[in-house]
PDB file of all heavy atoms in Angstrom:
ATOM      1  N   LYS A   1    -128.864  29.403-108.725  1.00  0.00           N
ATOM      2  CA  LYS A   1    -128.311  28.858-107.487  1.00  0.00           C
ATOM      3  C   LYS A   1    -127.115  29.658-106.991  1.00  0.00           C
ATOM      4  O   LYS A   1    -126.552  29.318-105.948  1.00  0.00           O
ATOM      5  CB  LYS A   1    -127.905  27.398-107.689  1.00  0.00           C
ATOM      6  CG  LYS A   1    -129.064  26.477-108.006  1.00  0.00           C
ATOM      7  CD  LYS A   1    -128.597  25.036-108.155  1.00  0.00           C
ATOM      8  CE  LYS A   1    -129.746  24.102-108.475  1.00  0.00           C
ATOM      9  NZ  LYS A   1    -130.718  24.050-107.352  1.00  0.00           N
ATOM     10  N   MET A   2    -126.722  30.696-107.730  1.00  0.00           N
ATOM     11  CA  MET A   2    -125.558  31.506-107.389  1.00  0.00           C
ATOM     12  C   MET A   2    -124.340  30.631-107.141  1.00  0.00           C
ATOM     13  O   MET A   2    -123.648  30.765-106.132  1.00  0.00           O
ATOM     14  CB  MET A   2    -125.854  32.393-106.180  1.00  0.00           C
ATOM     15  CG  MET A   2    -126.875  33.485-106.463  1.00  0.00           C
ATOM     16  SD  MET A   2    -126.431  34.517-107.894  1.00  0.00           S
ATOM     17  CE  MET A   2    -124.801  35.093-107.426  1.00  0.00           C
ATOM     18  N   THR A   3    -124.113  29.741-108.080  1.00  0.00           N
ATOM     19  CA  THR A   3    -123.036  28.766-107.947  1.00  0.00           C
ATOM     20  C   THR A   3    -122.192  28.726-109.215  1.00  0.00           C
ATOM     21  O   THR A   3    -122.730  28.781-110.326  1.00  0.00           O
ATOM     22  CB  THR A   3    -123.602  27.366-107.658  1.00  0.00           C
ATOM     23  OG1 THR A   3    -124.392  27.413-106.459  1.00  0.00           O
ATOM     24  CG2 THR A   3    -122.489  26.361-107.488  1.00  0.00           C
ATOM     25  N   VAL A   4    -120.891  28.629-109.030  1.00  0.00           N
ATOM     26  CA  VAL A   4    -119.942  28.472-110.122  1.00  0.00           C
ATOM     27  C   VAL A   4    -119.301  27.108-110.003  1.00  0.00           C
ATOM     28  O   VAL A   4    -119.004  26.651-108.888  1.00  0.00           O
ATOM     29  CB  VAL A   4    -118.873  29.582-110.109  1.00  0.00           C
ATOM     30  CG1 VAL A   4    -117.819  29.337-111.184  1.00  0.00           C
ATOM     31  CG2 VAL A   4    -119.532  30.936-110.326  1.00  0.00           C
ATOM     32  N   PHE A   5    -119.074  26.459-111.129  1.00  0.00           N
ATOM     33  CA  PHE A   5    -118.512  25.116-111.145  1.00  0.00           C
ATOM     34  C   PHE A   5    -117.196  25.092-111.909  1.00  0.00           C
ATOM     35  O   PHE A   5    -116.941  25.920-112.784  1.00  0.00           O
ATOM     36  CB  PHE A   5    -119.476  24.130-111.808  1.00  0.00           C
ATOM     37  CG  PHE A   5    -120.849  24.124-111.210  1.00  0.00           C
ATOM     38  CD1 PHE A   5    -121.860  24.888-111.773  1.00  0.00           C
ATOM     39  CD2 PHE A   5    -121.131  23.358-110.106  1.00  0.00           C
ATOM     40  CE1 PHE A   5    -123.131  24.889-111.240  1.00  0.00           C
ATOM     41  CE2 PHE A   5    -122.406  23.340-109.557  1.00  0.00           C
ATOM     42  CZ  PHE A   5    -123.403  24.107-110.120  1.00  0.00           C
ATOM     43  N   LEU A   6    -116.378  24.124-111.576  1.00  0.00           N
ATOM     44  CA  LEU A   6    -115.200  23.825-112.352  1.00  0.00           C
ATOM     45  C   LEU A   6    -115.212  22.324-112.633  1.00  0.00           C
ATOM     46  O   LEU A   6    -114.981  21.527-111.717  1.00  0.00           O
ATOM     47  CB  LEU A   6    -113.915  24.214-111.631  1.00  0.00           C
ATOM     48  CG  LEU A   6    -112.625  24.013-112.433  1.00  0.00           C
ATOM     49  CD1 LEU A   6    -112.586  24.979-113.620  1.00  0.00           C
ATOM     50  CD2 LEU A   6    -111.394  24.185-111.561  1.00  0.00           C
ATOM     51  N   GLN A   7    -115.509  21.969-113.869  1.00  0.00           N
ATOM     52  CA  GLN A   7    -115.513  20.568-114.275  1.00  0.00           C
ATOM     53  C   GLN A   7    -114.100  20.189-114.707  1.00  0.00           C
ATOM     54  O   GLN A   7    -113.550  20.786-115.629  1.00  0.00           O
ATOM     55  CB  GLN A   7    -116.493  20.345-115.429  1.00  0.00           C
ATOM     56  CG  GLN A   7    -116.560  18.917-115.930  1.00  0.00           C
ATOM     57  CD  GLN A   7    -117.183  17.968-114.926  1.00  0.00           C
ATOM     58  OE1 GLN A   7    -118.134  18.329-114.242  1.00  0.00           O
ATOM     59  NE2 GLN A   7    -116.633  16.761-114.824  1.00  0.00           N
ATOM     60  N   MET A   8    -113.531  19.217-114.031  1.00  0.00           N
ATOM     61  CA  MET A   8    -112.169  18.786-114.289  1.00  0.00           C
ATOM     62  C   MET A   8    -112.211  17.415-114.940  1.00  0.00           C
ATOM     63  O   MET A   8    -112.447  16.406-114.282  1.00  0.00           O
ATOM     64  CB  MET A   8    -111.357  18.746-112.999  1.00  0.00           C
ATOM     65  CG  MET A   8    -111.351  20.068-112.235  1.00  0.00           C
ATOM     66  SD  MET A   8    -110.633  19.945-110.574  1.00  0.00           S
ATOM     67  CE  MET A   8    -108.971  19.413-110.941  1.00  0.00           C
ATOM     68  N   ASN A   9    -112.002  17.380-116.237  1.00  0.00           N
ATOM     69  CA  ASN A   9    -111.940  16.131-116.984  1.00  0.00           C
ATOM     70  C   ASN A   9    -110.491  15.776-117.270  1.00  0.00           C
ATOM     71  O   ASN A   9    -109.662  16.646-117.498  1.00  0.00           O
ATOM     72  CB  ASN A   9    -112.730  16.231-118.283  1.00  0.00           C
ATOM     73  CG  ASN A   9    -114.216  16.385-118.060  1.00  0.00           C
ATOM     74  OD1 ASN A   9    -114.759  15.927-117.064  1.00  0.00           O
ATOM     75  ND2 ASN A   9    -114.892  17.032-119.002  1.00  0.00           N
ATOM     76  N   SER A  10    -110.216  14.486-117.287  1.00  0.00           N
ATOM     77  CA  SER A  10    -108.858  13.994-117.529  1.00  0.00           C
ATOM     78  C   SER A  10    -107.833  14.705-116.661  1.00  0.00           C
ATOM     79  O   SER A  10    -106.821  15.204-117.166  1.00  0.00           O
ATOM     80  CB  SER A  10    -108.498  14.139-119.009  1.00  0.00           C
ATOM     81  OG  SER A  10    -109.390  13.421-119.824  1.00  0.00           O
ATOM     82  N   PRO A  11    -108.056  14.782-115.359  1.00  0.00           N
ATOM     83  CA  PRO A  11    -107.085  15.466-114.511  1.00  0.00           C
ATOM     84  C   PRO A  11    -105.754  14.726-114.494  1.00  0.00           C
ATOM     85  O   PRO A  11    -105.705  13.505-114.680  1.00  0.00           O
ATOM     86  CB  PRO A  11    -107.747  15.453-113.135  1.00  0.00           C
ATOM     87  CG  PRO A  11    -108.642  14.257-113.159  1.00  0.00           C
ATOM     88  CD  PRO A  11    -109.163  14.196-114.579  1.00  0.00           C
ATOM     89  N   LYS A  12    -104.700  15.475-114.272  1.00  0.00           N
ATOM     90  CA  LYS A  12    -103.352  14.952-114.206  1.00  0.00           C
ATOM     91  C   LYS A  12    -102.773  15.155-112.810  1.00  0.00           C
ATOM     92  O   LYS A  12    -103.242  16.007-112.068  1.00  0.00           O
ATOM     93  CB  LYS A  12    -102.453  15.654-115.237  1.00  0.00           C
ATOM     94  CG  LYS A  12    -102.965  15.616-116.665  1.00  0.00           C
ATOM     95  CD  LYS A  12    -102.081  16.462-117.574  1.00  0.00           C
ATOM     96  CE  LYS A  12    -102.585  16.448-119.000  1.00  0.00           C
ATOM     97  NZ  LYS A  12    -101.731  17.294-119.878  1.00  0.00           N
ATOM     98  N   PRO A  13    -101.761  14.370-112.447  1.00  0.00           N
ATOM     99  CA  PRO A  13    -101.139  14.568-111.128  1.00  0.00           C
ATOM    100  C   PRO A  13    -100.693  16.007-110.902  1.00  0.00           C
ATOM    101  O   PRO A  13    -100.757  16.497-109.764  1.00  0.00           O
ATOM    102  CB  PRO A  13     -99.950  13.601-111.151  1.00  0.00           C
ATOM    103  CG  PRO A  13    -100.408  12.501-112.044  1.00  0.00           C
ATOM    104  CD  PRO A  13    -101.212  13.184-113.124  1.00  0.00           C
ATOM    105  N   GLU A  14    -100.247  16.687-111.941  1.00  0.00           N
ATOM    106  CA  GLU A  14     -99.816  18.069-111.798  1.00  0.00           C
ATOM    107  C   GLU A  14    -100.960  19.038-111.530  1.00  0.00           C
ATOM    108  O   GLU A  14    -100.732  20.214-111.259  1.00  0.00           O
ATOM    109  CB  GLU A  14     -99.017  18.537-113.030  1.00  0.00           C
ATOM    110  CG  GLU A  14     -99.699  18.240-114.346  1.00  0.00           C
ATOM    111  CD  GLU A  14     -99.191  16.967-114.990  1.00  0.00           C
ATOM    112  OE1 GLU A  14     -99.056  15.958-114.281  1.00  0.00           O
ATOM    113  OE2 GLU A  14     -98.924  16.999-116.213  1.00  0.00           O
ATOM    114  N   ASP A  15    -102.202  18.567-111.611  1.00  0.00           N
ATOM    115  CA  ASP A  15    -103.346  19.378-111.234  1.00  0.00           C
ATOM    116  C   ASP A  15    -103.583  19.370-109.731  1.00  0.00           C
ATOM    117  O   ASP A  15    -104.463  20.089-109.244  1.00  0.00           O
ATOM    118  CB  ASP A  15    -104.610  18.895-111.942  1.00  0.00           C
ATOM    119  CG  ASP A  15    -104.553  19.067-113.448  1.00  0.00           C
ATOM    120  OD1 ASP A  15    -104.045  20.116-113.914  1.00  0.00           O
ATOM    121  OD2 ASP A  15    -105.020  18.162-114.168  1.00  0.00           O
ATOM    122  N   THR A  16    -102.842  18.555-109.004  1.00  0.00           N
ATOM    123  CA  THR A  16    -102.984  18.485-107.556  1.00  0.00           C
ATOM    124  C   THR A  16    -102.669  19.835-106.931  1.00  0.00           C
ATOM    125  O   THR A  16    -101.598  20.399-107.159  1.00  0.00           O
ATOM    126  CB  THR A  16    -102.056  17.419-106.976  1.00  0.00           C
ATOM    127  OG1 THR A  16    -102.477  16.122-107.438  1.00  0.00           O
ATOM    128  CG2 THR A  16    -102.100  17.424-105.459  1.00  0.00           C
ATOM    129  N   ALA A  17    -103.604  20.369-106.163  1.00  0.00           N
ATOM    130  CA  ALA A  17    -103.439  21.685-105.550  1.00  0.00           C
ATOM    131  C   ALA A  17    -104.656  21.970-104.677  1.00  0.00           C
ATOM    132  O   ALA A  17    -105.637  21.223-104.690  1.00  0.00           O
ATOM    133  CB  ALA A  17    -103.302  22.767-106.623  1.00  0.00           C
ATOM    134  N   VAL A  18    -104.572  23.068-103.945  1.00  0.00           N
ATOM    135  CA  VAL A  18    -105.747  23.612-103.280  1.00  0.00           C
ATOM    136  C   VAL A  18    -106.403  24.579-104.255  1.00  0.00           C
ATOM    137  O   VAL A  18    -105.739  25.481-104.774  1.00  0.00           O
ATOM    138  CB  VAL A  18    -105.393  24.329-101.969  1.00  0.00           C
ATOM    139  CG1 VAL A  18    -106.642  24.952-101.351  1.00  0.00           C
ATOM    140  CG2 VAL A  18    -104.757  23.354-100.994  1.00  0.00           C
ATOM    141  N   TYR A  19    -107.667  24.377-104.517  1.00  0.00           N
ATOM    142  CA  TYR A  19    -108.401  25.208-105.468  1.00  0.00           C
ATOM    143  C   TYR A  19    -109.249  26.221-104.715  1.00  0.00           C
ATOM    144  O   TYR A  19    -109.974  25.876-103.778  1.00  0.00           O
ATOM    145  CB  TYR A  19    -109.272  24.340-106.373  1.00  0.00           C
ATOM    146  CG  TYR A  19    -108.486  23.620-107.445  1.00  0.00           C
ATOM    147  CD1 TYR A  19    -107.636  22.565-107.108  1.00  0.00           C
ATOM    148  CD2 TYR A  19    -108.553  24.005-108.780  1.00  0.00           C
ATOM    149  CE1 TYR A  19    -106.886  21.920-108.072  1.00  0.00           C
ATOM    150  CE2 TYR A  19    -107.815  23.363-109.747  1.00  0.00           C
ATOM    151  CZ  TYR A  19    -106.983  22.319-109.395  1.00  0.00           C
ATOM    152  OH  TYR A  19    -106.247  21.685-110.365  1.00  0.00           O
ATOM    153  N   TYR A  20    -109.154  27.478-105.150  1.00  0.00           N
ATOM    154  CA  TYR A  20    -109.855  28.578-104.496  1.00  0.00           C
ATOM    155  C   TYR A  20    -110.839  29.237-105.443  1.00  0.00           C
ATOM    156  O   TYR A  20    -110.491  29.595-106.562  1.00  0.00           O
ATOM    157  CB  TYR A  20    -108.871  29.651-104.019  1.00  0.00           C
ATOM    158  CG  TYR A  20    -107.883  29.182-102.981  1.00  0.00           C
ATOM    159  CD1 TYR A  20    -106.654  28.640-103.357  1.00  0.00           C
ATOM    160  CD2 TYR A  20    -108.166  29.288-101.628  1.00  0.00           C
ATOM    161  CE1 TYR A  20    -105.740  28.207-102.416  1.00  0.00           C
ATOM    162  CE2 TYR A  20    -107.254  28.875-100.679  1.00  0.00           C
ATOM    163  CZ  TYR A  20    -106.046  28.337-101.069  1.00  0.00           C
ATOM    164  OH  TYR A  20    -105.141  27.926-100.129  1.00  0.00           O
ATOM    165  N   CYS A  21    -112.042  29.409-104.985  1.00  0.00           N
ATOM    166  CA  CYS A  21    -113.030  30.191-105.707  1.00  0.00           C
ATOM    167  C   CYS A  21    -112.771  31.674-105.443  1.00  0.00           C
ATOM    168  O   CYS A  21    -112.438  32.062-104.315  1.00  0.00           O
ATOM    169  CB  CYS A  21    -114.442  29.815-105.252  1.00  0.00           C
ATOM    170  SG  CYS A  21    -115.776  30.683-106.082  1.00  0.00           S
ATOM    171  N   THR A  22    -112.889  32.493-106.477  1.00  0.00           N
ATOM    172  CA  THR A  22    -112.614  33.916-106.377  1.00  0.00           C
ATOM    173  C   THR A  22    -113.751  34.718-106.978  1.00  0.00           C
ATOM    174  O   THR A  22    -114.311  34.347-108.005  1.00  0.00           O
ATOM    175  CB  THR A  22    -111.309  34.271-107.111  1.00  0.00           C
ATOM    176  OG1 THR A  22    -110.230  33.508-106.565  1.00  0.00           O
ATOM    177  CG2 THR A  22    -110.991  35.753-106.956  1.00  0.00           C
ATOM    178  N   ALA A  23    -114.073  35.829-106.330  1.00  0.00           N
ATOM    179  CA  ALA A  23    -115.059  36.767-106.850  1.00  0.00           C
ATOM    180  C   ALA A  23    -114.446  38.152-106.884  1.00  0.00           C
ATOM    181  O   ALA A  23    -113.945  38.640-105.863  1.00  0.00           O
ATOM    182  CB  ALA A  23    -116.320  36.761-105.994  1.00  0.00           C
ATOM    183  N   TRP A  24    -114.484  38.776-108.054  1.00  0.00           N
ATOM    184  CA  TRP A  24    -114.009  40.154-108.191  1.00  0.00           C
ATOM    185  C   TRP A  24    -115.207  41.073-108.007  1.00  0.00           C
ATOM    186  O   TRP A  24    -116.154  41.050-108.791  1.00  0.00           O
ATOM    187  CB  TRP A  24    -113.379  40.362-109.557  1.00  0.00           C
ATOM    188  CG  TRP A  24    -112.046  39.697-109.722  1.00  0.00           C
ATOM    189  CD1 TRP A  24    -110.825  40.244-109.464  1.00  0.00           C
ATOM    190  CD2 TRP A  24    -111.806  38.364-110.177  1.00  0.00           C
ATOM    191  NE1 TRP A  24    -109.830  39.327-109.746  1.00  0.00           N
ATOM    192  CE2 TRP A  24    -110.406  38.171-110.187  1.00  0.00           C
ATOM    193  CE3 TRP A  24    -112.635  37.319-110.596  1.00  0.00           C
ATOM    194  CZ2 TRP A  24    -109.822  36.974-110.586  1.00  0.00           C
ATOM    195  CZ3 TRP A  24    -112.050  36.131-110.987  1.00  0.00           C
ATOM    196  CH2 TRP A  24    -110.664  35.966-110.980  1.00  0.00           C
ATOM    197  N   GLY A  25    -115.165  41.878-106.949  1.00  0.00           N
ATOM    198  CA  GLY A  25    -116.270  42.753-106.606  1.00  0.00           C
ATOM    199  C   GLY A  25    -116.029  44.181-107.025  1.00  0.00           C
ATOM    200  O   GLY A  25    -115.000  44.530-107.609  1.00  0.00           O
ATOM    201  N   VAL A  26    -117.014  45.014-106.714  1.00  0.00           N
ATOM    202  CA  VAL A  26    -116.948  46.421-107.078  1.00  0.00           C
ATOM    203  C   VAL A  26    -115.816  47.138-106.352  1.00  0.00           C
ATOM    204  O   VAL A  26    -115.068  47.910-106.952  1.00  0.00           O
ATOM    205  CB  VAL A  26    -118.293  47.110-106.795  1.00  0.00           C
ATOM    206  CG1 VAL A  26    -118.196  48.609-107.055  1.00  0.00           C
ATOM    207  CG2 VAL A  26    -119.398  46.495-107.638  1.00  0.00           C
ATOM    208  N   ARG A  27    -115.678  46.865-105.049  1.00  0.00           N
ATOM    209  CA  ARG A  27    -114.682  47.550-104.240  1.00  0.00           C
ATOM    210  C   ARG A  27    -113.584  46.651-103.706  1.00  0.00           C
ATOM    211  O   ARG A  27    -112.534  47.137-103.260  1.00  0.00           O
ATOM    212  CB  ARG A  27    -115.361  48.266-103.065  1.00  0.00           C
ATOM    213  CG  ARG A  27    -116.367  49.322-103.501  1.00  0.00           C
ATOM    214  CD  ARG A  27    -116.962  50.049-102.311  1.00  0.00           C
ATOM    215  NE  ARG A  27    -115.943  50.738-101.526  1.00  0.00           N
ATOM    216  CZ  ARG A  27    -115.445  51.941-101.818  1.00  0.00           C
ATOM    217  NH1 ARG A  27    -115.904  52.597-102.880  1.00  0.00           N
ATOM    218  NH2 ARG A  27    -114.523  52.489-101.051  1.00  0.00           N
ATOM    219  N   GLU A  28    -113.789  45.369-103.713  1.00  0.00           N
ATOM    220  CA  GLU A  28    -112.804  44.436-103.188  1.00  0.00           C
ATOM    221  C   GLU A  28    -113.010  43.063-103.793  1.00  0.00           C
ATOM    222  O   GLU A  28    -114.026  42.777-104.415  1.00  0.00           O
ATOM    223  CB  GLU A  28    -112.878  44.375-101.668  1.00  0.00           C
ATOM    224  CG  GLU A  28    -114.230  43.957-101.137  1.00  0.00           C
ATOM    225  CD  GLU A  28    -114.319  44.071 -99.621  1.00  0.00           C
ATOM    226  OE1 GLU A  28    -113.339  43.691 -98.952  1.00  0.00           O
ATOM    227  OE2 GLU A  28    -115.352  44.539 -99.121  1.00  0.00           O
ATOM    228  N   ASP A  29    -112.026  42.202-103.584  1.00  0.00           N
ATOM    229  CA  ASP A  29    -112.079  40.830-104.069  1.00  0.00           C
ATOM    230  C   ASP A  29    -112.346  39.872-102.916  1.00  0.00           C
ATOM    231  O   ASP A  29    -112.003  40.147-101.763  1.00  0.00           O
ATOM    232  CB  ASP A  29    -110.777  40.447-104.764  1.00  0.00           C
ATOM    233  CG  ASP A  29    -110.468  41.356-105.935  1.00  0.00           C
ATOM    234  OD1 ASP A  29    -111.420  41.870-106.553  1.00  0.00           O
ATOM    235  OD2 ASP A  29    -109.274  41.555-106.238  1.00  0.00           O
ATOM    236  N   TYR A  30    -112.936  38.738-103.229  1.00  0.00           N
ATOM    237  CA  TYR A  30    -113.313  37.763-102.217  1.00  0.00           C
ATOM    238  C   TYR A  30    -112.742  36.396-102.574  1.00  0.00           C
ATOM    239  O   TYR A  30    -112.597  36.053-103.746  1.00  0.00           O
ATOM    240  CB  TYR A  30    -114.839  37.676-102.095  1.00  0.00           C
ATOM    241  CG  TYR A  30    -115.495  39.001-101.827  1.00  0.00           C
ATOM    242  CD1 TYR A  30    -115.979  39.776-102.879  1.00  0.00           C
ATOM    243  CD2 TYR A  30    -115.632  39.494-100.535  1.00  0.00           C
ATOM    244  CE1 TYR A  30    -116.577  41.004-102.643  1.00  0.00           C
ATOM    245  CE2 TYR A  30    -116.220  40.723-100.296  1.00  0.00           C
ATOM    246  CZ  TYR A  30    -116.698  41.473-101.357  1.00  0.00           C
ATOM    247  OH  TYR A  30    -117.285  42.697-101.118  1.00  0.00           O
ATOM    248  N   TRP A  31    -112.435  35.635-101.547  1.00  0.00           N
ATOM    249  CA  TRP A  31    -111.839  34.308-101.713  1.00  0.00           C
ATOM    250  C   TRP A  31    -112.551  33.282-100.853  1.00  0.00           C
ATOM    251  O   TRP A  31    -112.940  33.551 -99.720  1.00  0.00           O
ATOM    252  CB  TRP A  31    -110.357  34.325-101.324  1.00  0.00           C
ATOM    253  CG  TRP A  31    -109.513  35.187-102.205  1.00  0.00           C
ATOM    254  CD1 TRP A  31    -109.349  36.532-102.118  1.00  0.00           C
ATOM    255  CD2 TRP A  31    -108.708  34.749-103.298  1.00  0.00           C
ATOM    256  NE1 TRP A  31    -108.494  36.965-103.097  1.00  0.00           N
ATOM    257  CE2 TRP A  31    -108.088  35.905-103.836  1.00  0.00           C
ATOM    258  CE3 TRP A  31    -108.454  33.507-103.873  1.00  0.00           C
ATOM    259  CZ2 TRP A  31    -107.225  35.839-104.927  1.00  0.00           C
ATOM    260  CZ3 TRP A  31    -107.593  33.444-104.958  1.00  0.00           C
ATOM    261  CH2 TRP A  31    -106.991  34.596-105.470  1.00  0.00           C
ATOM    262  N   GLY A  32    -112.714  32.095-101.402  1.00  0.00           N
ATOM    263  CA  GLY A  32    -113.177  30.979-100.608  1.00  0.00           C
ATOM    264  C   GLY A  32    -112.039  30.422 -99.764  1.00  0.00           C
ATOM    265  O   GLY A  32    -110.888  30.853 -99.883  1.00  0.00           O
ATOM    266  N   GLN A  33    -112.343  29.474 -98.904  1.00  0.00           N
ATOM    267  CA  GLN A  33    -111.325  28.894 -98.039  1.00  0.00           C
ATOM    268  C   GLN A  33    -110.479  27.837 -98.731  1.00  0.00           C
ATOM    269  O   GLN A  33    -109.438  27.437 -98.204  1.00  0.00           O
ATOM    270  CB  GLN A  33    -111.983  28.299 -96.792  1.00  0.00           C
ATOM    271  CG  GLN A  33    -112.642  29.352 -95.907  1.00  0.00           C
ATOM    272  CD  GLN A  33    -113.186  28.780 -94.616  1.00  0.00           C
ATOM    273  OE1 GLN A  33    -112.995  27.592 -94.311  1.00  0.00           O
ATOM    274  NE2 GLN A  33    -113.862  29.607 -93.843  1.00  0.00           N
TER     275      GLN A  33
END
C-alpha cells in the first residue's frame, strides 16, 4: 500500500504536536503537510 504507520500507545500530553511524515530520497527529502 506504500504506507507507513505510527502506532501511538499510551500517549502522553507531552506527545501533543504536529506530526510530519518524512521520506529521505536519492536527491532530496520530502515532507508531508
